[in-house]
Amino acid sequence: MKFSKDQRIIRLDERGSDLYFLLEGAVQVLVPRANLEVIPTHVLAPLEWFGEYGALTGNENVAEYRARVPSSALVVAQSGLLAARSDPAFHGAVVELLAGALRGYLELSAGLAGLKGEQRVRSKLHTLSGSACAISDGARKVIVTQDELAAVSCVSRSVVSKVLSQLENEGIISCGYKCIVVVQRGMLLAE
């Protein structure tokens, strides 16, 4: 299935949806705050699953998903998931899928805990570039704006701007329009 830029794929309050495997593009994950404002928390890259909570439980989704750029995904219909529930092998696959998603979310939040602003931005860029598409000579294109990077790194926009400028001067990254090309991924975590 193909999605246009900014297309809402899954609504926050949508009850039970399909399961998606991102093939190309980037999908933004947004979650509600206490004041009901929906904020971005992560940007999914190709080869990541999303929508598993609503698809597997039939409950309302706990996040909203929007295509950041034109994207395509393999869609596993919820009806197909429901039909497979009687197969014992299905239960193991579901546990693996949920465990993988939970592990990823914990790594995202634990990876930022106790870090200072610059380290948060570097760590988040390292994580996002890990599953980003290689474009040439090992460089990876991360489709994220500076505002989104600030939100998912839990820092201000000015901190992101300062860090990106420094990384660009060191030749570790190159900033583009609504994207960051990570040239030397290993150097993102270097002190």
Protein backbone atom coordinates (compact mmCIF):
# COMPACT_ATOMS: atom_id res chain seq x y z
CA MET A 1 0.00 0.00 0.00
CA LYS A 2 1.27 3.48 -0.83
CA PHE A 3 0.86 6.60 1.31
CA SER A 4 1.27 10.22 0.29
CA LYS A 5 3.26 12.75 2.29
CA ASP A 6 1.53 13.71 5.56
CA GLN A 7 -1.19 11.08 5.06
CA ARG A 8 -2.57 9.76 8.33
CA ILE A 9 -2.16 5.99 8.27
CA ILE A 10 -3.57 5.15 11.70
CA ARG A 11 -5.65 7.50 13.88
CA LEU A 12 -4.98 7.70 17.59
CA ASP A 13 -8.50 6.64 18.54
CA GLU A 14 -8.93 4.12 15.71
CA ARG A 15 -10.16 0.79 17.01
CA GLY A 16 -8.12 -2.16 15.84
CA SER A 17 -6.30 -1.60 12.58
CA ASP A 18 -4.12 -3.50 10.19
CA LEU A 19 -0.48 -4.34 10.82
CA TYR A 20 2.07 -2.48 8.66
CA PHE A 21 5.63 -3.32 7.63
CA LEU A 22 7.33 -0.20 6.26
CA LEU A 23 9.11 -0.90 2.96
CA GLU A 24 10.18 2.61 1.97
CA GLY A 25 9.82 6.15 3.23
CA ALA A 26 9.43 7.29 6.82
CA VAL A 27 6.51 7.22 9.25
CA GLN A 28 6.14 9.59 12.18
CA VAL A 29 4.79 8.23 15.48
CA LEU A 30 2.75 10.72 17.52
CA VAL A 31 1.41 10.16 21.05
CA PRO A 32 -0.89 12.26 23.25
CA ARG A 33 0.29 14.33 26.21
CA ALA A 34 -1.84 14.91 29.30
CA ASN A 35 -3.27 18.09 27.73
CA LEU A 36 -4.37 15.99 24.71
CA GLU A 37 -1.80 17.64 22.43
CA VAL A 38 -0.39 15.03 20.04
CA ILE A 39 3.40 15.23 19.75
CA PRO A 40 5.96 13.32 17.67
CA THR A 41 8.02 10.78 19.61
CA HIS A 42 9.78 8.76 16.92
CA VAL A 43 10.29 8.41 13.20
CA LEU A 44 10.08 4.86 11.83
CA ALA A 45 12.41 3.78 9.04
CA PRO A 46 12.02 0.99 6.46
CA LEU A 47 11.94 -2.57 7.82
CA GLU A 48 10.06 -1.59 10.97
CA TRP A 49 6.56 -2.76 11.97
CA PHE A 50 3.85 -0.48 13.29
CA GLY A 51 0.20 -0.64 14.31
CA GLU A 52 0.72 -3.89 16.20
CA TYR A 53 -1.14 -2.88 19.36
CA GLY A 54 -4.44 -2.08 17.66
CA ALA A 55 -4.11 -4.87 15.10
CA LEU A 56 -3.41 -7.60 17.64
CA THR A 57 -5.70 -6.50 20.47
CA GLY A 58 -8.58 -4.88 18.59
CA ASN A 59 -8.41 -1.99 21.08
CA GLU A 60 -8.00 1.69 20.29
CA ASN A 61 -4.51 2.56 19.10
CA VAL A 62 -2.23 4.29 21.59
CA ALA A 63 -0.38 6.28 18.91
CA GLU A 64 -1.06 8.02 15.62
CA TYR A 65 1.02 7.23 12.53
CA ARG A 66 1.58 9.62 9.60
CA ALA A 67 3.69 9.29 6.47
CA ARG A 68 6.52 11.83 6.68
CA VAL A 69 7.30 11.45 2.98
CA PRO A 70 5.71 9.33 0.25
CA SER A 71 5.96 5.83 1.71
CA SER A 72 4.90 2.27 1.05
CA ALA A 73 4.19 -0.60 3.40
CA LEU A 74 3.22 -4.23 3.33
CA VAL A 75 -0.18 -4.47 5.03
CA VAL A 76 -1.33 -7.50 6.96
CA ALA A 77 -5.09 -7.21 7.26
CA GLN A 78 -6.52 -7.49 10.74
CA SER A 79 -9.00 -10.08 9.42
CA GLY A 80 -6.03 -12.25 8.41
CA LEU A 81 -4.54 -11.89 11.86
CA LEU A 82 -7.82 -12.89 13.48
CA ALA A 83 -8.10 -15.96 11.23
CA ALA A 84 -4.58 -17.06 12.16
CA ARG A 85 -5.24 -16.90 15.91
CA SER A 86 -6.14 -20.58 16.06
CA ASP A 87 -2.71 -21.61 14.70
CA PRO A 88 -0.29 -22.34 17.63
CA ALA A 89 2.65 -20.97 15.62
CA PHE A 90 0.84 -17.65 15.40
CA HIS A 91 1.08 -17.11 19.16
CA GLY A 92 4.87 -17.41 19.09
CA ALA A 93 5.08 -14.98 16.18
CA VAL A 94 2.86 -12.48 17.99
CA VAL A 95 4.96 -12.69 21.14
CA GLU A 96 8.13 -12.13 19.09
CA LEU A 97 6.61 -9.15 17.29
CA LEU A 98 5.38 -7.51 20.48
CA ALA A 99 8.64 -8.28 22.32
CA GLY A 100 10.62 -6.71 19.48
CA ALA A 101 8.43 -3.60 19.48
CA LEU A 102 8.62 -3.28 23.27
CA ARG A 103 12.39 -3.79 23.21
CA GLY A 104 12.69 -1.04 20.59
CA TYR A 105 10.54 1.40 22.58
CA LEU A 106 12.50 0.69 25.77
CA GLU A 107 15.79 1.23 23.95
CA LEU A 108 14.48 4.54 22.61
CA SER A 109 13.50 5.82 26.04
CA ALA A 110 16.37 4.26 28.01
CA GLY A 111 18.88 5.43 25.43
CA LEU A 112 18.09 9.05 26.29
CA ALA A 113 17.82 8.70 30.07
CA GLY A 114 20.48 10.62 31.98
CA LEU A 115 22.03 12.14 28.85
CA LYS A 116 22.70 15.83 28.37
CA GLY A 117 21.14 17.68 25.43
CA GLU A 118 24.00 17.20 22.95
CA GLN A 119 24.29 13.52 23.83
CA ARG A 120 20.52 13.06 23.39
CA VAL A 121 20.63 14.48 19.87
CA ARG A 122 23.68 12.40 18.93
CA SER A 123 22.13 9.25 20.40
CA LYS A 124 18.80 9.77 18.63
CA LEU A 125 20.55 10.42 15.30
CA HIS A 126 22.59 7.25 15.82
CA THR A 127 19.41 5.25 16.49
CA LEU A 128 17.50 6.72 13.57
CA SER A 129 20.38 6.24 11.15
CA GLY A 130 20.70 2.58 12.14
CA SER A 131 17.69 1.61 10.07
CA ALA A 132 17.86 4.42 7.51
CA CYS A 133 18.57 3.66 3.86
CA ALA A 134 22.20 3.75 2.80
CA ILE A 135 22.62 6.19 -0.09
CA SER A 136 26.34 6.02 -0.95
CA ASP A 137 29.65 5.06 0.64
CA GLY A 138 27.85 4.01 3.83
CA ALA A 139 26.13 7.38 4.25
CA ARG A 140 22.56 7.10 5.55
CA LYS A 141 19.70 9.49 4.87
CA VAL A 142 17.51 10.13 7.92
CA ILE A 143 14.22 11.77 6.99
CA VAL A 144 13.56 14.07 9.92
CA THR A 145 13.23 17.82 10.38
CA GLN A 146 15.14 19.69 13.06
CA ASP A 147 11.87 20.34 14.91
CA GLU A 148 11.05 16.62 14.90
CA LEU A 149 14.57 15.73 16.01
CA ALA A 150 14.19 18.18 18.89
CA ALA A 151 10.86 16.64 19.91
CA VAL A 152 12.05 13.02 19.77
CA SER A 153 15.33 13.92 21.54
CA CYS A 154 13.49 15.86 24.28
CA VAL A 155 15.58 18.99 23.76
CA SER A 156 14.95 22.49 22.42
CA ARG A 157 15.20 23.38 18.75
CA SER A 158 18.20 25.63 19.52
CA VAL A 159 20.11 22.69 21.04
CA VAL A 160 19.46 20.64 17.90
CA SER A 161 20.60 23.49 15.67
CA LYS A 162 23.83 23.91 17.67
CA VAL A 163 24.60 20.17 17.69
CA LEU A 164 23.85 19.71 13.99
CA SER A 165 26.03 22.70 13.10
CA GLN A 166 28.89 21.23 15.12
CA LEU A 167 28.45 17.75 13.58
CA GLU A 168 28.31 19.25 10.09
CA ASN A 169 31.52 21.22 10.71
CA GLU A 170 33.22 17.99 11.85
CA GLY A 171 32.08 16.21 8.65
CA ILE A 172 29.98 13.65 10.55
CA ILE A 173 26.69 14.73 8.97
CA SER A 174 25.32 16.86 6.18
CA CYS A 175 22.03 18.72 6.60
CA GLY A 176 19.52 18.78 3.78
CA TYR A 177 15.91 19.78 3.30
CA LYS A 178 13.89 17.88 5.93
CA CYS A 179 16.64 15.29 6.19
CA ILE A 180 20.06 14.67 7.68
CA VAL A 181 22.66 12.59 5.89
CA VAL A 182 24.80 10.73 8.41
CA VAL A 183 28.21 10.30 6.81
CA GLN A 184 30.14 8.82 9.75
CA ARG A 185 27.60 7.02 11.94
CA GLY A 186 30.17 5.63 14.39
CA MET A 187 31.38 9.14 15.19
CA LEU A 188 27.95 10.17 16.49
CA LEU A 189 28.61 8.42 19.81
CA ALA A 190 32.28 9.38 20.05
CA GLU A 191 33.12 11.67 22.94
